[in-house]
């Protein structure tokens, strides 16, 4: 799932559109807010090396494609291999990060009611 930080003076809506375009090459329209989840990494070495990544708030939105036009991604994550569409029926065949998504993503997609999935301290980044 694409994601990233919100730039100064950028609305959350604008950040979603930008991040999806940068990381996947797809133009999206945010449809609705789906979920919120907080993750804090307790690993001392990770905290020293990547202080900007050890406390994350995941604001998860359901989006739709604006059009079928794509561009080459301009900013992919260090460990990202590729971007691909996954059919909803195949979500149980892949491992998502953060891991709380694996048990909750179908509920997030199908429910119109946003949900807070809690806060978690994790031993390593991207639990």
N, C-alpha and C. Protein backbone atom coordinates (compact mmCIF):
# COMPACT_ATOMS: atom_id res chain seq x y z
N UNK A 1 0.85 -1.17 0.00
CA UNK A 1 0.00 0.00 0.00
C UNK A 1 0.89 1.23 0.00
N UNK A 2 0.58 2.20 -0.85
CA UNK A 2 1.39 3.42 -0.88
C UNK A 2 1.18 4.23 0.39
N UNK A 3 2.18 4.99 0.74
CA UNK A 3 2.06 5.83 1.92
C UNK A 3 3.25 6.74 2.05
N UNK A 4 3.17 7.61 3.01
CA UNK A 4 4.29 8.53 3.22
C UNK A 4 3.86 9.70 4.06
N UNK A 5 4.68 10.70 4.09
CA UNK A 5 4.43 11.85 4.93
C UNK A 5 3.67 12.94 4.22
N UNK A 6 3.10 13.77 5.03
CA UNK A 6 2.35 14.94 4.55
C UNK A 6 3.30 16.13 4.57
N UNK A 7 3.39 16.83 3.45
CA UNK A 7 4.26 18.01 3.35
C UNK A 7 3.62 19.20 4.05
N UNK A 8 4.45 20.15 4.47
CA UNK A 8 3.96 21.36 5.11
C UNK A 8 3.01 22.09 4.15
N UNK A 9 1.93 22.59 4.68
CA UNK A 9 0.88 23.32 3.95
C UNK A 9 0.11 22.45 2.96
N UNK A 10 0.31 21.16 3.00
CA UNK A 10 -0.40 20.24 2.11
C UNK A 10 -1.56 19.62 2.88
N UNK A 11 -2.74 19.59 2.27
CA UNK A 11 -3.87 18.95 2.93
C UNK A 11 -3.67 17.43 2.90
N UNK A 12 -4.36 16.73 3.76
CA UNK A 12 -4.28 15.28 3.79
C UNK A 12 -4.76 14.71 2.45
N UNK A 13 -5.81 15.29 1.90
CA UNK A 13 -6.35 14.88 0.60
C UNK A 13 -5.27 15.02 -0.49
N UNK A 14 -4.57 16.14 -0.50
CA UNK A 14 -3.50 16.37 -1.47
C UNK A 14 -2.34 15.38 -1.27
N UNK A 15 -2.02 15.09 -0.02
CA UNK A 15 -0.93 14.15 0.28
C UNK A 15 -1.25 12.75 -0.23
N UNK A 16 -2.48 12.31 -0.09
CA UNK A 16 -2.89 10.99 -0.56
C UNK A 16 -2.69 10.90 -2.08
N UNK A 17 -3.17 11.90 -2.79
CA UNK A 17 -3.06 11.92 -4.24
C UNK A 17 -1.60 11.92 -4.66
N UNK A 18 -0.78 12.77 -4.03
CA UNK A 18 0.64 12.87 -4.38
C UNK A 18 1.38 11.57 -4.08
N UNK A 19 1.19 11.02 -2.89
CA UNK A 19 1.90 9.80 -2.51
C UNK A 19 1.55 8.63 -3.43
N UNK A 20 0.29 8.49 -3.76
CA UNK A 20 -0.12 7.40 -4.66
C UNK A 20 0.52 7.57 -6.04
N UNK A 21 0.53 8.79 -6.54
CA UNK A 21 1.13 9.06 -7.84
C UNK A 21 2.65 8.81 -7.80
N UNK A 22 3.32 9.29 -6.76
CA UNK A 22 4.77 9.13 -6.65
C UNK A 22 5.17 7.66 -6.54
N UNK A 23 4.43 6.88 -5.76
CA UNK A 23 4.84 5.51 -5.46
C UNK A 23 4.28 4.47 -6.42
N UNK A 24 3.15 4.77 -7.08
CA UNK A 24 2.53 3.76 -7.94
C UNK A 24 2.39 4.22 -9.39
N UNK A 25 2.38 5.52 -9.63
CA UNK A 25 2.15 6.03 -10.97
C UNK A 25 0.67 6.19 -11.31
N UNK A 26 -0.21 5.90 -10.35
CA UNK A 26 -1.65 6.01 -10.57
C UNK A 26 -2.20 7.30 -9.99
N UNK A 27 -3.10 7.93 -10.72
CA UNK A 27 -3.85 9.09 -10.23
C UNK A 27 -5.09 8.58 -9.52
N UNK A 28 -5.25 8.94 -8.26
CA UNK A 28 -6.39 8.44 -7.48
C UNK A 28 -7.25 9.58 -6.96
N UNK A 29 -8.46 9.20 -6.58
CA UNK A 29 -9.39 10.10 -5.91
C UNK A 29 -9.70 9.48 -4.56
N UNK A 30 -9.33 10.13 -3.46
CA UNK A 30 -9.71 9.60 -2.14
C UNK A 30 -11.23 9.62 -2.00
N UNK A 31 -11.80 8.47 -1.66
CA UNK A 31 -13.25 8.33 -1.55
C UNK A 31 -13.73 8.53 -0.12
N UNK A 32 -13.04 7.85 0.80
CA UNK A 32 -13.46 7.97 2.20
C UNK A 32 -12.34 7.54 3.13
N UNK A 33 -12.37 8.11 4.33
CA UNK A 33 -11.45 7.71 5.39
C UNK A 33 -11.92 6.37 5.91
N UNK A 34 -10.99 5.42 6.07
CA UNK A 34 -11.36 4.08 6.48
C UNK A 34 -10.87 3.69 7.87
N UNK A 35 -9.63 4.07 8.20
CA UNK A 35 -9.09 3.58 9.47
C UNK A 35 -7.91 4.42 9.94
N UNK A 36 -7.67 4.31 11.25
CA UNK A 36 -6.53 4.96 11.89
C UNK A 36 -5.84 3.93 12.76
N UNK A 37 -4.51 3.93 12.71
CA UNK A 37 -3.72 2.99 13.50
C UNK A 37 -2.42 3.66 13.87
N UNK A 38 -1.95 3.42 15.09
CA UNK A 38 -0.70 4.03 15.57
C UNK A 38 0.31 2.93 15.87
N UNK A 39 1.57 3.18 15.46
CA UNK A 39 2.63 2.20 15.66
C UNK A 39 3.88 2.92 16.17
N UNK A 40 4.47 2.40 17.26
CA UNK A 40 5.68 2.97 17.84
C UNK A 40 6.73 1.88 17.93
N UNK A 41 7.88 2.12 17.31
CA UNK A 41 8.98 1.16 17.32
C UNK A 41 9.82 1.37 18.57
N UNK A 42 10.03 0.29 19.32
CA UNK A 42 10.79 0.36 20.57
C UNK A 42 12.26 0.03 20.41
N UNK A 43 12.71 -0.38 19.23
CA UNK A 43 14.09 -0.79 19.01
C UNK A 43 15.02 0.42 19.11
N UNK A 44 15.98 0.35 20.04
CA UNK A 44 16.89 1.47 20.30
C UNK A 44 17.71 1.85 19.07
N UNK A 45 18.24 0.86 18.37
CA UNK A 45 19.07 1.15 17.20
C UNK A 45 18.24 1.81 16.10
N UNK A 46 17.03 1.32 15.87
CA UNK A 46 16.15 1.93 14.86
C UNK A 46 15.81 3.36 15.25
N UNK A 47 15.58 3.59 16.53
CA UNK A 47 15.29 4.95 16.99
C UNK A 47 16.45 5.90 16.73
N UNK A 48 17.68 5.41 16.90
CA UNK A 48 18.86 6.24 16.64
C UNK A 48 19.05 6.51 15.16
N UNK A 49 18.90 5.48 14.34
CA UNK A 49 19.17 5.60 12.90
C UNK A 49 18.04 6.29 12.12
N UNK A 50 16.80 6.05 12.53
CA UNK A 50 15.65 6.57 11.77
C UNK A 50 14.62 7.21 12.70
N UNK A 51 14.99 8.27 13.40
CA UNK A 51 14.05 8.85 14.38
C UNK A 51 12.74 9.33 13.75
N UNK A 52 12.77 9.68 12.47
CA UNK A 52 11.55 10.17 11.82
C UNK A 52 10.57 9.05 11.47
N UNK A 53 10.99 7.79 11.61
CA UNK A 53 10.13 6.66 11.23
C UNK A 53 9.67 5.80 12.40
N UNK A 54 10.02 6.15 13.60
CA UNK A 54 9.73 5.24 14.71
C UNK A 54 8.35 5.44 15.35
N UNK A 55 7.69 6.52 15.02
CA UNK A 55 6.33 6.75 15.55
C UNK A 55 5.45 7.12 14.36
N UNK A 56 4.58 6.20 13.99
CA UNK A 56 3.78 6.38 12.78
C UNK A 56 2.29 6.38 13.09
N UNK A 57 1.60 7.26 12.41
CA UNK A 57 0.14 7.29 12.44
C UNK A 57 -0.32 6.92 11.03
N UNK A 58 -1.04 5.83 10.91
CA UNK A 58 -1.54 5.37 9.61
C UNK A 58 -2.97 5.88 9.43
N UNK A 59 -3.14 6.80 8.51
CA UNK A 59 -4.46 7.29 8.12
C UNK A 59 -4.79 6.57 6.82
N UNK A 60 -5.71 5.65 6.86
CA UNK A 60 -5.96 4.80 5.70
C UNK A 60 -7.25 5.23 5.01
N UNK A 61 -7.13 5.43 3.70
CA UNK A 61 -8.25 5.89 2.89
C UNK A 61 -8.56 4.89 1.79
N UNK A 62 -9.82 4.77 1.47
CA UNK A 62 -10.25 4.01 0.30
C UNK A 62 -10.24 5.00 -0.86
N UNK A 63 -9.58 4.61 -1.95
CA UNK A 63 -9.46 5.48 -3.12
C UNK A 63 -9.96 4.76 -4.36
N UNK A 64 -10.23 5.52 -5.40
CA UNK A 64 -10.56 4.94 -6.69
C UNK A 64 -9.66 5.61 -7.73
N UNK A 65 -9.51 4.95 -8.86
CA UNK A 65 -8.71 5.51 -9.92
C UNK A 65 -9.40 6.72 -10.53
N UNK A 66 -8.64 7.77 -10.76
CA UNK A 66 -9.17 8.96 -11.42
C UNK A 66 -9.34 8.68 -12.91
N UNK A 67 -8.38 7.96 -13.48
CA UNK A 67 -8.43 7.57 -14.88
C UNK A 67 -7.47 6.40 -15.08
N UNK A 68 -7.39 5.88 -16.29
CA UNK A 68 -6.53 4.72 -16.54
C UNK A 68 -5.11 5.11 -16.92
N UNK A 69 -4.84 6.40 -17.02
CA UNK A 69 -3.51 6.89 -17.37
C UNK A 69 -2.54 6.66 -16.20
N UNK A 70 -1.36 6.15 -16.51
CA UNK A 70 -0.34 5.97 -15.48
C UNK A 70 0.95 6.64 -15.93
N UNK A 71 1.79 6.94 -14.94
CA UNK A 71 3.12 7.47 -15.20
C UNK A 71 4.12 6.60 -14.44
N UNK A 72 5.38 6.75 -14.75
CA UNK A 72 6.39 6.01 -13.99
C UNK A 72 6.47 6.57 -12.58
N UNK A 73 6.50 5.68 -11.57
CA UNK A 73 6.66 6.16 -10.19
C UNK A 73 7.95 6.97 -10.06
N UNK A 74 7.89 8.04 -9.29
CA UNK A 74 9.05 8.90 -9.13
C UNK A 74 9.75 8.69 -7.79
N UNK A 75 9.05 8.17 -6.81
CA UNK A 75 9.63 7.93 -5.48
C UNK A 75 9.12 6.62 -4.95
N UNK A 76 9.97 5.61 -4.96
CA UNK A 76 9.55 4.34 -4.39
C UNK A 76 10.33 4.11 -3.10
N UNK A 77 9.75 3.34 -2.18
CA UNK A 77 10.41 3.05 -0.92
C UNK A 77 11.65 2.19 -1.16
N UNK A 78 12.62 2.27 -0.25
CA UNK A 78 13.88 1.54 -0.39
C UNK A 78 13.69 0.04 -0.61
N UNK A 79 12.72 -0.54 0.07
CA UNK A 79 12.51 -1.98 -0.02
C UNK A 79 11.40 -2.36 -1.00
N UNK A 80 10.87 -1.39 -1.71
CA UNK A 80 9.77 -1.64 -2.64
C UNK A 80 10.30 -2.27 -3.93
N UNK A 81 9.71 -3.38 -4.34
CA UNK A 81 10.11 -4.04 -5.56
C UNK A 81 9.27 -3.61 -6.76
N UNK A 82 7.97 -3.44 -6.53
CA UNK A 82 7.07 -3.06 -7.60
C UNK A 82 5.73 -2.65 -7.01
N UNK A 83 4.87 -2.14 -7.88
CA UNK A 83 3.49 -1.84 -7.51
C UNK A 83 2.59 -2.69 -8.39
N UNK A 84 1.57 -3.26 -7.80
CA UNK A 84 0.63 -4.04 -8.59
C UNK A 84 -0.74 -4.03 -7.93
N UNK A 85 -1.76 -4.17 -8.77
CA UNK A 85 -3.13 -4.27 -8.26
C UNK A 85 -3.34 -5.69 -7.74
N UNK A 86 -3.98 -5.79 -6.61
CA UNK A 86 -4.33 -7.08 -6.02
C UNK A 86 -5.85 -7.13 -5.96
N UNK A 87 -6.43 -8.16 -6.54
CA UNK A 87 -7.88 -8.32 -6.45
C UNK A 87 -8.26 -8.61 -5.00
N UNK A 88 -9.38 -8.06 -4.60
CA UNK A 88 -9.83 -8.21 -3.21
C UNK A 88 -9.85 -9.68 -2.80
N UNK A 89 -10.28 -10.56 -3.67
CA UNK A 89 -10.36 -11.99 -3.33
C UNK A 89 -8.99 -12.62 -3.12
N UNK A 90 -7.92 -11.95 -3.53
CA UNK A 90 -6.56 -12.49 -3.37
C UNK A 90 -5.80 -11.87 -2.21
N UNK A 91 -6.45 -10.99 -1.46
CA UNK A 91 -5.75 -10.32 -0.35
C UNK A 91 -5.26 -11.29 0.72
N UNK A 92 -5.96 -12.40 0.89
CA UNK A 92 -5.56 -13.37 1.91
C UNK A 92 -4.32 -14.15 1.51
N UNK A 93 -3.82 -13.97 0.28
CA UNK A 93 -2.65 -14.70 -0.21
C UNK A 93 -1.35 -13.91 -0.07
N UNK A 94 -1.44 -12.66 0.38
CA UNK A 94 -0.25 -11.84 0.51
C UNK A 94 -0.10 -11.35 1.95
N UNK A 95 1.11 -10.94 2.30
CA UNK A 95 1.37 -10.39 3.64
C UNK A 95 1.51 -8.88 3.51
N UNK A 96 0.67 -8.16 4.23
CA UNK A 96 0.68 -6.70 4.18
C UNK A 96 1.41 -6.13 5.39
N UNK A 97 1.98 -4.95 5.21
CA UNK A 97 2.60 -4.21 6.31
C UNK A 97 1.99 -2.82 6.36
N UNK A 98 1.68 -2.33 7.54
CA UNK A 98 1.85 -2.96 8.85
C UNK A 98 0.94 -4.18 8.99
N UNK A 99 1.37 -5.12 9.82
CA UNK A 99 0.74 -6.43 9.90
C UNK A 99 -0.72 -6.39 10.37
N UNK A 100 -1.15 -5.35 11.08
CA UNK A 100 -2.55 -5.29 11.51
C UNK A 100 -3.50 -5.32 10.31
N UNK A 101 -3.01 -4.91 9.14
CA UNK A 101 -3.85 -4.90 7.94
C UNK A 101 -4.31 -6.30 7.55
N UNK A 102 -3.48 -7.31 7.78
CA UNK A 102 -3.79 -8.66 7.32
C UNK A 102 -5.13 -9.17 7.86
N UNK A 103 -5.44 -8.88 9.10
CA UNK A 103 -6.69 -9.35 9.70
C UNK A 103 -7.84 -8.37 9.54
N UNK A 104 -7.56 -7.17 9.05
CA UNK A 104 -8.58 -6.13 9.07
C UNK A 104 -8.90 -5.48 7.72
N UNK A 105 -8.13 -5.75 6.69
CA UNK A 105 -8.30 -5.00 5.45
C UNK A 105 -9.66 -5.23 4.79
N UNK A 106 -10.18 -6.44 4.84
CA UNK A 106 -11.48 -6.68 4.21
C UNK A 106 -12.58 -5.91 4.93
N UNK A 107 -12.50 -5.83 6.24
CA UNK A 107 -13.47 -5.05 7.01
C UNK A 107 -13.34 -3.57 6.65
N UNK A 108 -12.12 -3.09 6.49
CA UNK A 108 -11.91 -1.68 6.16
C UNK A 108 -12.50 -1.36 4.79
N UNK A 109 -12.37 -2.27 3.85
CA UNK A 109 -12.89 -2.04 2.50
C UNK A 109 -14.41 -2.07 2.49
N UNK A 110 -15.00 -3.01 3.21
CA UNK A 110 -16.45 -3.22 3.13
C UNK A 110 -17.27 -2.31 4.04
N UNK A 111 -16.69 -1.78 5.08
CA UNK A 111 -17.45 -0.97 6.03
C UNK A 111 -17.39 0.51 5.66
N UNK A 112 -18.50 1.18 5.77
CA UNK A 112 -18.54 2.62 5.56
C UNK A 112 -18.21 3.40 6.82
N UNK A 113 -18.03 2.69 7.92
CA UNK A 113 -17.77 3.33 9.21
C UNK A 113 -16.27 3.27 9.50
N UNK A 114 -15.60 4.42 9.63
CA UNK A 114 -14.17 4.42 9.96
C UNK A 114 -13.92 3.77 11.31
N UNK A 115 -12.77 3.16 11.47
CA UNK A 115 -12.45 2.45 12.70
C UNK A 115 -11.04 2.80 13.17
N UNK A 116 -10.88 2.92 14.48
CA UNK A 116 -9.57 3.08 15.09
C UNK A 116 -9.09 1.70 15.50
N UNK A 117 -7.97 1.26 14.95
CA UNK A 117 -7.46 -0.08 15.22
C UNK A 117 -6.44 -0.11 16.35
N UNK A 118 -6.34 0.97 17.08
CA UNK A 118 -5.52 0.98 18.27
C UNK A 118 -4.10 1.45 18.06
N UNK A 119 -3.33 1.30 19.14
CA UNK A 119 -1.93 1.69 19.17
C UNK A 119 -1.12 0.49 19.59
N UNK A 120 0.08 0.40 19.04
CA UNK A 120 0.90 -0.76 19.35
C UNK A 120 2.37 -0.36 19.42
N UNK A 121 3.06 -0.91 20.43
CA UNK A 121 4.51 -0.81 20.51
C UNK A 121 5.06 -2.06 19.83
N UNK A 122 5.98 -1.87 18.90
CA UNK A 122 6.52 -3.00 18.15
C UNK A 122 8.03 -3.07 18.37
N UNK A 123 8.62 -4.27 18.30
CA UNK A 123 10.06 -4.40 18.56
C UNK A 123 10.93 -3.89 17.40
N UNK A 124 10.39 -3.95 16.18
CA UNK A 124 11.14 -3.50 15.00
C UNK A 124 10.22 -2.68 14.10
N UNK A 125 10.80 -1.92 13.21
CA UNK A 125 10.02 -1.10 12.31
C UNK A 125 9.11 -1.95 11.42
N UNK A 126 7.93 -1.46 11.12
CA UNK A 126 6.94 -2.16 10.29
C UNK A 126 6.58 -3.52 10.87
N UNK A 127 6.05 -3.53 12.09
CA UNK A 127 5.64 -4.79 12.71
C UNK A 127 4.58 -5.40 11.96
